[in-house]
Protein backbone atom coordinates (compact mmCIF):
# COMPACT_ATOMS: atom_id res chain seq x y z
CA MET A 1 0.00 0.00 0.00
CA ASN A 2 1.35 3.42 -0.95
CA ILE A 3 0.22 5.98 1.61
CA GLN A 4 1.76 9.42 1.30
CA CYS A 5 3.04 10.84 4.61
CA GLU A 6 2.60 7.34 6.08
CA LEU A 7 0.94 7.68 9.50
CA SER A 8 0.24 11.31 10.36
CA ASN A 9 0.47 12.36 13.99
CA SER A 10 -0.90 15.82 13.20
CA HIS A 11 -3.48 15.50 10.41
CA LEU A 12 -6.55 13.31 10.85
CA LEU A 13 -9.20 12.35 8.30
CA LEU A 14 -12.64 12.58 9.95
CA VAL A 15 -15.79 11.21 8.29
CA PRO A 16 -19.18 11.93 9.93
CA SER A 17 -21.91 9.55 8.83
CA TYR A 18 -25.65 9.25 9.28
CA ASN A 19 -27.48 6.35 7.61
CA THR A 20 -25.22 6.22 4.55
CA GLY A 21 -25.22 2.41 4.36
CA VAL A 22 -22.95 0.72 1.86
CA LEU A 23 -21.70 4.07 0.53
CA LEU A 24 -19.92 4.56 3.85
CA LYS A 25 -17.92 1.38 3.35
CA ILE A 26 -17.00 2.34 -0.21
CA THR A 27 -15.94 5.81 0.94
CA ILE A 28 -13.74 4.45 3.72
CA GLU A 29 -12.23 1.72 1.55
CA GLU A 30 -11.07 4.33 -0.94
CA ALA A 31 -9.91 6.75 1.76
CA LEU A 32 -7.78 4.07 3.43
CA GLN A 33 -5.69 3.87 0.28
CA GLN A 34 -4.86 7.57 0.60
CA TRP A 35 -4.43 8.45 4.27
CA LEU A 36 -4.10 7.14 7.81
CA PRO A 37 -5.42 7.52 10.42
CA ILE A 38 -9.15 7.80 9.76
CA TRP A 39 -11.90 8.28 12.30
CA VAL A 40 -15.56 7.67 11.44
CA ILE A 41 -18.24 9.31 13.58
CA ILE A 42 -21.48 7.32 13.37
CA ASP A 43 -24.04 9.98 14.25
CA GLY A 44 -26.78 7.82 15.75
CA SER A 45 -27.32 5.83 12.55
CA ASP A 46 -29.95 3.09 12.77
CA ASP A 47 -29.17 1.35 9.48
CA GLY A 48 -26.38 -0.85 10.83
CA SER A 49 -23.86 0.88 8.59
CA GLU A 50 -21.13 0.66 11.23
CA ALA A 51 -21.26 -3.14 10.98
CA LEU A 52 -20.07 -2.82 7.38
CA LEU A 53 -16.83 -1.29 8.68
CA ALA A 54 -16.02 -4.20 11.01
CA PRO A 55 -13.85 -6.06 8.45
CA LEU A 56 -11.93 -2.85 7.71
CA GLN A 57 -11.43 -2.23 11.42
CA ALA A 58 -10.00 -5.72 11.75
CA GLN A 59 -7.61 -4.94 8.89
CA TYR A 60 -6.64 -1.52 10.29
CA PRO A 61 -7.04 -1.97 14.07
CA ASP A 62 -4.77 0.92 15.05
CA THR A 63 -5.56 3.44 12.34
CA LEU A 64 -9.31 3.15 11.66
CA LEU A 65 -11.44 4.23 14.61
CA VAL A 66 -15.23 4.11 14.60
CA ILE A 67 -17.01 6.24 17.21
CA LYS A 68 -20.73 5.52 17.60
CA LEU A 69 -22.88 8.29 19.05
CA PRO A 70 -26.04 6.95 20.77
CA GLN A 71 -28.39 9.36 19.01
CA ASN A 72 -28.39 11.63 15.99
CA ARG A 73 -27.09 15.07 16.97
CA GLY A 74 -26.34 16.59 13.57
CA LYS A 75 -23.24 16.85 11.41
CA GLY A 76 -21.69 19.78 13.23
CA ALA A 77 -22.22 18.18 16.64
CA ALA A 78 -20.68 14.92 15.40
CA ILE A 79 -17.63 16.77 14.07
CA LEU A 80 -17.28 18.67 17.35
CA GLU A 81 -17.25 15.38 19.23
CA GLY A 82 -14.62 14.02 16.86
CA ILE A 83 -12.28 17.02 16.96
CA THR A 84 -12.52 17.29 20.74
CA GLN A 85 -11.30 13.71 21.07
CA ALA A 86 -8.75 14.25 18.30
CA GLN A 87 -7.24 17.28 20.01
CA ALA A 88 -6.92 15.26 23.21
CA LYS A 89 -4.92 12.71 21.20
CA GLY A 90 -2.56 15.40 19.91
CA PHE A 91 -3.93 16.00 16.41
CA THR A 92 -3.69 19.59 15.17
CA HIS A 93 -5.65 19.48 11.89
CA VAL A 94 -8.64 17.59 10.58
CA LEU A 95 -9.85 16.94 7.04
CA THR A 96 -13.58 16.35 6.93
CA MET A 97 -15.26 14.60 4.03
CA ASP A 98 -18.76 13.25 3.49
CA ALA A 99 -19.59 9.58 3.88
CA ASP A 100 -21.88 9.33 0.84
CA HIS A 101 -19.12 8.90 -1.78
CA GLN A 102 -19.60 12.36 -3.31
CA HIS A 103 -16.08 13.56 -2.51
CA PRO A 104 -13.03 12.18 -4.35
CA ALA A 105 -10.68 10.16 -2.15
CA ASP A 106 -7.79 10.77 -4.54
CA TYR A 107 -7.85 14.46 -3.56
CA ILE A 108 -7.19 13.71 0.12
CA LYS A 109 -3.41 13.93 -0.24
CA GLN A 110 -3.66 17.29 -2.04
CA PHE A 111 -5.78 18.75 0.76
CA MET A 112 -3.48 17.38 3.44
CA GLN A 113 -0.32 18.59 1.73
CA MET A 114 -1.69 22.11 1.28
CA SER A 115 -2.57 22.15 4.97
CA ILE A 116 0.87 20.86 5.96
CA ASP A 117 2.42 23.65 3.87
CA ASN A 118 -0.02 26.26 5.29
CA PRO A 119 -0.86 25.09 8.82
CA GLU A 120 -2.52 28.36 9.82
CA ALA A 121 -5.07 28.18 6.98
CA MET A 122 -8.48 26.64 6.45
CA ILE A 123 -8.45 24.63 3.21
CA LEU A 124 -11.82 24.70 1.44
CA GLY A 125 -12.94 22.51 -1.41
CA GLU A 126 -14.43 24.44 -4.32
CA PRO A 127 -16.78 22.04 -6.13
CA MET A 128 -16.58 21.32 -9.83
CA PHE A 129 -20.03 19.99 -10.71
CA ASP A 130 -20.85 17.52 -13.45
CA ASP A 131 -24.21 16.74 -15.04
CA SER A 132 -25.27 14.73 -11.98
CA ALA A 133 -25.66 17.88 -9.85
CA PRO A 134 -29.29 19.00 -9.40
CA MET A 135 -29.58 22.50 -10.82
CA ILE A 136 -31.67 23.67 -7.87
CA ARG A 137 -28.80 22.74 -5.53
CA VAL A 138 -26.22 24.49 -7.73
CA LYS A 139 -28.25 27.71 -7.93
CA GLY A 140 -29.09 27.57 -4.23
CA ARG A 141 -25.46 27.42 -3.16
CA ARG A 142 -24.65 30.44 -5.33
CA ILE A 143 -27.00 32.44 -3.13
CA SER A 144 -25.40 31.09 0.04
CA ASN A 145 -21.93 31.84 -1.32
CA TRP A 146 -22.93 35.42 -2.13
CA TRP A 147 -24.13 35.95 1.41
CA ALA A 148 -21.04 34.33 2.93
CA ASN A 149 -18.76 36.65 0.97
CA LEU A 150 -20.83 39.68 1.97
CA GLU A 151 -20.71 38.64 5.63
CA THR A 152 -16.92 38.24 5.48
CA MET A 153 -16.23 41.26 3.24
CA GLY A 154 -14.76 39.04 0.53
CA TRP A 155 -12.41 37.05 2.76
CA GLY A 156 -11.97 34.46 0.02
CA ILE A 157 -14.57 31.75 0.61
CA HIS A 158 -15.18 30.35 -2.86
CA ASP A 159 -17.78 27.84 -1.65
CA SER A 160 -19.46 27.98 1.75
CA LEU A 161 -21.24 24.62 1.65
CA PHE A 162 -18.76 22.04 0.39
CA GLY A 163 -17.99 19.48 3.08
CA MET A 164 -14.47 18.46 2.05
CA ARG A 165 -12.15 20.84 3.88
CA VAL A 166 -9.26 21.00 6.35
CA TYR A 167 -9.49 22.92 9.61
CA PRO A 168 -6.88 23.82 12.22
CA ILE A 169 -8.50 22.01 15.16
CA GLN A 170 -7.74 24.62 17.80
CA ASP A 171 -9.36 27.40 15.75
CA LEU A 172 -12.35 25.24 14.88
CA ILE A 173 -13.02 24.26 18.49
CA ALA A 174 -12.74 27.87 19.63
CA VAL A 175 -15.22 29.02 16.98
CA MET A 176 -17.69 26.21 17.74
CA HIS A 177 -17.57 26.98 21.44
CA SER A 178 -18.39 30.62 20.63
CA THR A 179 -21.84 29.69 19.27
CA SER A 180 -24.60 27.22 19.99
CA TRP A 181 -25.39 27.05 16.27
CA ALA A 182 -23.51 25.21 13.48
CA ARG A 183 -24.52 21.83 14.83
CA ARG A 184 -26.53 20.51 11.88
CA PHE A 185 -26.69 21.25 8.15
CA ASP A 186 -25.70 24.83 8.89
CA PHE A 187 -22.24 23.66 10.04
CA GLU A 188 -20.18 24.32 6.90
CA PRO A 189 -21.39 27.82 5.94
CA GLU A 190 -21.60 29.15 9.49
CA ILE A 191 -18.17 27.83 10.43
CA ALA A 192 -16.59 29.19 7.24
CA VAL A 193 -17.93 32.66 8.05
CA ARG A 194 -17.01 32.55 11.73
CA MET A 195 -13.51 31.25 10.98
CA ALA A 196 -13.09 34.18 8.60
CA TRP A 197 -14.25 36.54 11.35
CA SER A 198 -11.47 35.01 13.48
CA ALA A 199 -8.99 35.96 10.71
CA VAL A 200 -8.19 32.36 9.79
CA PRO A 201 -6.70 32.45 6.25
CA VAL A 202 -8.59 30.65 3.49
CA LEU A 203 -7.16 28.61 0.63
CA ASN A 204 -9.37 26.93 -1.97
CA ILE A 205 -8.92 23.73 -3.99
CA LEU A 206 -11.02 23.00 -7.08
CA THR A 207 -12.52 19.59 -6.35
CA PRO A 208 -14.75 17.32 -8.45
CA VAL A 209 -18.04 16.30 -6.87
CA ARG A 210 -20.71 13.93 -8.06
CA TYR A 211 -24.27 13.39 -6.96
CA ILE A 212 -25.26 9.73 -6.84
CA ALA A 213 -28.85 9.16 -7.92
CA LYS A 214 -31.22 7.42 -5.52
CA GLU A 215 -31.68 4.70 -8.13
CA GLU A 216 -27.93 4.02 -7.90
CA GLY A 217 -27.98 3.79 -4.13
CA GLY A 218 -27.35 7.46 -3.43
CA VAL A 219 -28.50 8.93 -0.13
CA SER A 220 -29.07 12.51 0.94
CA GLN A 221 -30.08 13.96 4.29
CA PHE A 222 -30.78 17.35 2.70
CA LYS A 223 -34.43 18.39 3.01
CA TYR A 224 -35.19 21.32 0.72
CA GLY A 225 -37.81 22.98 2.89
CA ARG A 226 -36.34 22.35 6.34
CA ASP A 227 -32.71 23.02 5.45
CA ASN A 228 -33.35 26.07 3.28
CA VAL A 229 -35.27 27.63 6.19
CA LEU A 230 -32.30 26.77 8.41
CA LEU A 231 -29.89 28.42 5.96
CA ILE A 232 -32.04 31.55 5.60
CA GLY A 233 -32.21 31.93 9.37
CA MET A 234 -28.46 31.36 9.60
CA HIS A 235 -27.66 34.09 7.09
CA ILE A 236 -30.01 36.51 8.85
CA ARG A 237 -28.08 35.86 12.08
CA LEU A 238 -24.69 36.11 10.40
CA PHE A 239 -25.57 39.28 8.51
CA THR A 240 -26.78 40.85 11.74
CA GLY A 241 -23.52 39.81 13.37
CA PHE A 242 -21.61 41.27 10.44
CA LEU A 243 -23.37 44.62 10.82
CA LEU A 244 -22.59 44.69 14.54
CA ARG A 245 -18.93 43.91 13.88
CA LEU A 246 -18.80 46.57 11.16
CA SER A 247 -20.38 49.22 13.39
CA LYS A 248 -17.91 48.47 16.19
CA LEU A 249 -15.04 48.75 13.73
CA ILE A 250 -16.28 52.11 12.45
CA LEU A 251 -16.71 53.46 16.01
CA ARG A 252 -13.26 52.21 16.99
CA ASN A 253 -11.65 54.03 14.06
CA LYS A 254 -13.41 57.35 14.64
C-alpha cells in the first residue's frame, strides 16, 4: 500500500456519517488507500452501517477508529465530538469529508499537503459539478456563497457549503464553542464565516463532486424545505452579526 506521509500524527481524516449504508464502506475503503489515520463518527445511525466497517477495522485496528454516538445530533455536533477527542490525542488538523461517496478520495493527499504547507489556513474545497448535480442545488449554493462573501467582506470563501475541507482544530473548536449554532446542516457555511471573522486564512482547492442518484444507491439527508429555512435563518443571524462587527469597527476608528 502506498500511503503518502505514512501515518500522520498531526493530520486526521474525519468522516461523519448518518445512515449512509454501503456508501460509507466504499468511501472508507477508498480513503484508506490515501491516508491514515481515519476516524468515522457514526451519528446515531440506525441502518447498521457501522457493521459494514467491522472487516476494515480488523484490517486496520490501530488506524481506523469508529465512534458511535447513541443518538443523531447533527453533522456539526458529530464533528465537534470528533475534533474534541482528536485534540486530546494530539492531532492539530482535521480533514472532513462526506460519507456518501460524493467527494473524491484521490484528492485527500492534495488537501493534506496544502494544509501541511499552510498550517494556519483553512483549506476549502471548491466544487466542480458535473451533469449529476441537481440545478436547484447548484443555484441555491450560489445564493449562500454570495451571502457568505458579503458577511466576510470578501475574505476568500469560494464555496461555503462544500464538506471536504481541512481545519486547524484549535481554531475550529474555539469558533464552535463561541456559538450554539452550526450543529446541523448549517455547520459548513456558518463555520466558514465565523472562521473568517477570526482571521483564519482561506485557501481553496477546485474539487470534483458527483451526486449519486437514488436509483444508484445514493442517499441525501438534505431536506429542501427544512434546510433552506435553516440556511435563511443562519444568514439573517450572520448578517446581523456582520453589521454589529462593522459598526464596532467604524466606532473604533473614529
